[in-house]
Amino acid sequence: MKKEFEVMENETIGDCLKRMEQEGYKVIKRTEKPIFKEETHKGKTNYIPISRKIIFQGVKES
């Protein structure tokens, strides 16, 4: 069974991987999604990357 684990704001990648391991999951995929801020300047909308969200997908170890 697959489960997604998101790296929380006050958590390191290592902390997230430990949490996965404690729940009995191993990493099969890492995804990064950008987070944008919308700014309008002179009627034109710009999207500026301000952060990213890191998500690990894991499967239950047997």
N, C-alpha and C. Protein backbone atom coordinates (compact mmCIF):
# COMPACT_ATOMS: atom_id res chain seq x y z
N MET A 1 0.84 -1.18 0.00
CA MET A 1 0.00 0.00 0.00
C MET A 1 0.89 1.25 0.00
N LYS A 2 0.55 2.25 -0.80
CA LYS A 2 1.33 3.48 -0.91
C LYS A 2 0.76 4.54 0.03
N LYS A 3 1.66 5.41 0.49
CA LYS A 3 1.27 6.52 1.34
C LYS A 3 2.19 7.68 1.05
N GLU A 4 1.65 8.91 1.09
CA GLU A 4 2.46 10.10 0.84
C GLU A 4 2.82 10.76 2.16
N PHE A 5 4.07 11.24 2.23
CA PHE A 5 4.57 11.94 3.40
C PHE A 5 5.10 13.29 2.95
N GLU A 6 4.56 14.36 3.51
CA GLU A 6 5.00 15.70 3.16
C GLU A 6 5.99 16.20 4.21
N VAL A 7 7.08 16.82 3.75
CA VAL A 7 8.03 17.43 4.67
C VAL A 7 7.36 18.68 5.22
N MET A 8 7.13 18.68 6.53
CA MET A 8 6.43 19.79 7.18
C MET A 8 7.33 21.01 7.31
N GLU A 9 6.74 22.15 7.64
CA GLU A 9 7.47 23.42 7.69
C GLU A 9 8.62 23.40 8.69
N ASN A 10 8.42 22.84 9.86
CA ASN A 10 9.46 22.84 10.90
C ASN A 10 10.18 21.50 10.96
N GLU A 11 10.32 20.83 9.82
CA GLU A 11 10.89 19.49 9.76
C GLU A 11 11.95 19.44 8.66
N THR A 12 13.02 18.70 8.91
CA THR A 12 14.03 18.52 7.87
C THR A 12 13.63 17.30 7.02
N ILE A 13 14.30 17.15 5.89
CA ILE A 13 14.06 15.98 5.05
C ILE A 13 14.40 14.72 5.83
N GLY A 14 15.49 14.77 6.58
CA GLY A 14 15.89 13.63 7.40
C GLY A 14 14.84 13.25 8.42
N ASP A 15 14.21 14.26 9.04
CA ASP A 15 13.14 13.99 10.02
C ASP A 15 11.97 13.28 9.36
N CYS A 16 11.62 13.72 8.15
CA CYS A 16 10.51 13.11 7.42
C CYS A 16 10.84 11.66 7.08
N LEU A 17 12.08 11.41 6.64
CA LEU A 17 12.48 10.05 6.30
C LEU A 17 12.46 9.14 7.53
N LYS A 18 12.86 9.68 8.69
CA LYS A 18 12.80 8.90 9.94
C LYS A 18 11.35 8.57 10.30
N ARG A 19 10.46 9.55 10.10
CA ARG A 19 9.04 9.35 10.39
C ARG A 19 8.48 8.24 9.50
N MET A 20 8.88 8.25 8.23
CA MET A 20 8.45 7.19 7.31
C MET A 20 8.92 5.82 7.80
N GLU A 21 10.20 5.78 8.17
CA GLU A 21 10.79 4.52 8.63
C GLU A 21 10.09 4.00 9.89
N GLN A 22 9.76 4.91 10.81
CA GLN A 22 9.07 4.53 12.04
C GLN A 22 7.69 3.94 11.75
N GLU A 23 7.06 4.42 10.69
CA GLU A 23 5.74 3.89 10.32
C GLU A 23 5.85 2.65 9.44
N GLY A 24 7.09 2.24 9.12
CA GLY A 24 7.30 1.02 8.34
C GLY A 24 7.25 1.20 6.83
N TYR A 25 7.56 2.41 6.35
CA TYR A 25 7.53 2.69 4.91
C TYR A 25 8.93 2.96 4.39
N LYS A 26 9.16 2.62 3.12
CA LYS A 26 10.41 2.98 2.45
C LYS A 26 10.07 3.84 1.24
N VAL A 27 10.98 4.74 0.89
CA VAL A 27 10.76 5.72 -0.18
C VAL A 27 10.83 5.04 -1.54
N ILE A 28 9.85 5.37 -2.40
CA ILE A 28 9.90 4.92 -3.79
C ILE A 28 9.90 6.09 -4.77
N LYS A 29 9.53 7.30 -4.26
CA LYS A 29 9.44 8.45 -5.15
C LYS A 29 9.51 9.74 -4.35
N ARG A 30 10.20 10.74 -4.92
CA ARG A 30 10.27 12.08 -4.32
C ARG A 30 9.72 13.07 -5.33
N THR A 31 8.84 13.95 -4.87
CA THR A 31 8.24 14.96 -5.73
C THR A 31 8.42 16.33 -5.09
N GLU A 32 8.76 17.31 -5.90
CA GLU A 32 8.84 18.69 -5.42
C GLU A 32 7.84 19.53 -6.21
N LYS A 33 7.02 20.26 -5.47
CA LYS A 33 6.03 21.13 -6.11
C LYS A 33 6.33 22.56 -5.71
N PRO A 34 6.48 23.46 -6.69
CA PRO A 34 6.75 24.86 -6.34
C PRO A 34 5.51 25.55 -5.78
N ILE A 35 5.75 26.53 -4.91
CA ILE A 35 4.68 27.36 -4.37
C ILE A 35 4.93 28.76 -4.88
N PHE A 36 3.91 29.33 -5.53
CA PHE A 36 4.06 30.63 -6.17
C PHE A 36 3.30 31.72 -5.42
N LYS A 37 3.79 32.95 -5.57
CA LYS A 37 3.11 34.14 -5.07
C LYS A 37 2.66 34.94 -6.28
N GLU A 38 1.42 35.36 -6.26
CA GLU A 38 0.88 36.12 -7.39
C GLU A 38 1.09 37.61 -7.14
N GLU A 39 1.71 38.28 -8.09
CA GLU A 39 1.92 39.73 -8.00
C GLU A 39 1.39 40.40 -9.26
N THR A 40 0.67 41.50 -9.06
CA THR A 40 0.16 42.26 -10.20
C THR A 40 0.89 43.59 -10.25
N HIS A 41 1.48 43.87 -11.41
CA HIS A 41 2.23 45.10 -11.60
C HIS A 41 1.84 45.70 -12.95
N LYS A 42 1.29 46.89 -12.91
CA LYS A 42 0.84 47.60 -14.12
C LYS A 42 -0.13 46.75 -14.94
N GLY A 43 -1.05 46.08 -14.25
CA GLY A 43 -2.07 45.29 -14.92
C GLY A 43 -1.61 43.93 -15.39
N LYS A 44 -0.36 43.61 -15.19
CA LYS A 44 0.17 42.32 -15.61
C LYS A 44 0.41 41.44 -14.38
N THR A 45 -0.06 40.21 -14.44
CA THR A 45 0.09 39.28 -13.33
C THR A 45 1.33 38.43 -13.51
N ASN A 46 2.15 38.41 -12.49
CA ASN A 46 3.36 37.59 -12.48
C ASN A 46 3.27 36.59 -11.35
N TYR A 47 3.80 35.40 -11.57
CA TYR A 47 3.83 34.36 -10.55
C TYR A 47 5.29 34.13 -10.18
N ILE A 48 5.61 34.39 -8.91
CA ILE A 48 6.98 34.31 -8.45
C ILE A 48 7.11 33.12 -7.49
N PRO A 49 8.06 32.21 -7.76
CA PRO A 49 8.25 31.08 -6.84
C PRO A 49 8.80 31.57 -5.51
N ILE A 50 8.14 31.15 -4.41
CA ILE A 50 8.57 31.60 -3.09
C ILE A 50 9.01 30.44 -2.21
N SER A 51 8.60 29.23 -2.56
CA SER A 51 8.93 28.08 -1.73
C SER A 51 8.68 26.82 -2.54
N ARG A 52 8.86 25.68 -1.87
CA ARG A 52 8.55 24.41 -2.52
C ARG A 52 8.03 23.43 -1.47
N LYS A 53 7.25 22.51 -1.94
CA LYS A 53 6.70 21.47 -1.10
C LYS A 53 7.35 20.16 -1.54
N ILE A 54 7.94 19.43 -0.58
CA ILE A 54 8.59 18.16 -0.89
C ILE A 54 7.71 17.04 -0.35
N ILE A 55 7.39 16.11 -1.24
CA ILE A 55 6.52 14.98 -0.88
C ILE A 55 7.23 13.68 -1.24
N PHE A 56 7.29 12.76 -0.29
CA PHE A 56 7.84 11.44 -0.53
C PHE A 56 6.69 10.45 -0.61
N GLN A 57 6.78 9.55 -1.56
CA GLN A 57 5.80 8.46 -1.65
C GLN A 57 6.50 7.20 -1.16
N GLY A 58 5.82 6.48 -0.28
CA GLY A 58 6.43 5.29 0.29
C GLY A 58 5.52 4.08 0.17
N VAL A 59 6.15 2.91 0.26
CA VAL A 59 5.40 1.66 0.29
C VAL A 59 5.75 0.94 1.59
N LYS A 60 4.79 0.18 2.09
CA LYS A 60 4.97 -0.56 3.32
C LYS A 60 6.03 -1.63 3.12
N GLU A 61 7.00 -1.68 4.02
CA GLU A 61 8.03 -2.71 3.93
C GLU A 61 7.46 -4.01 4.47
N SER A 62 7.86 -5.09 3.83
CA SER A 62 7.32 -6.38 4.26
C SER A 62 8.23 -7.11 5.22
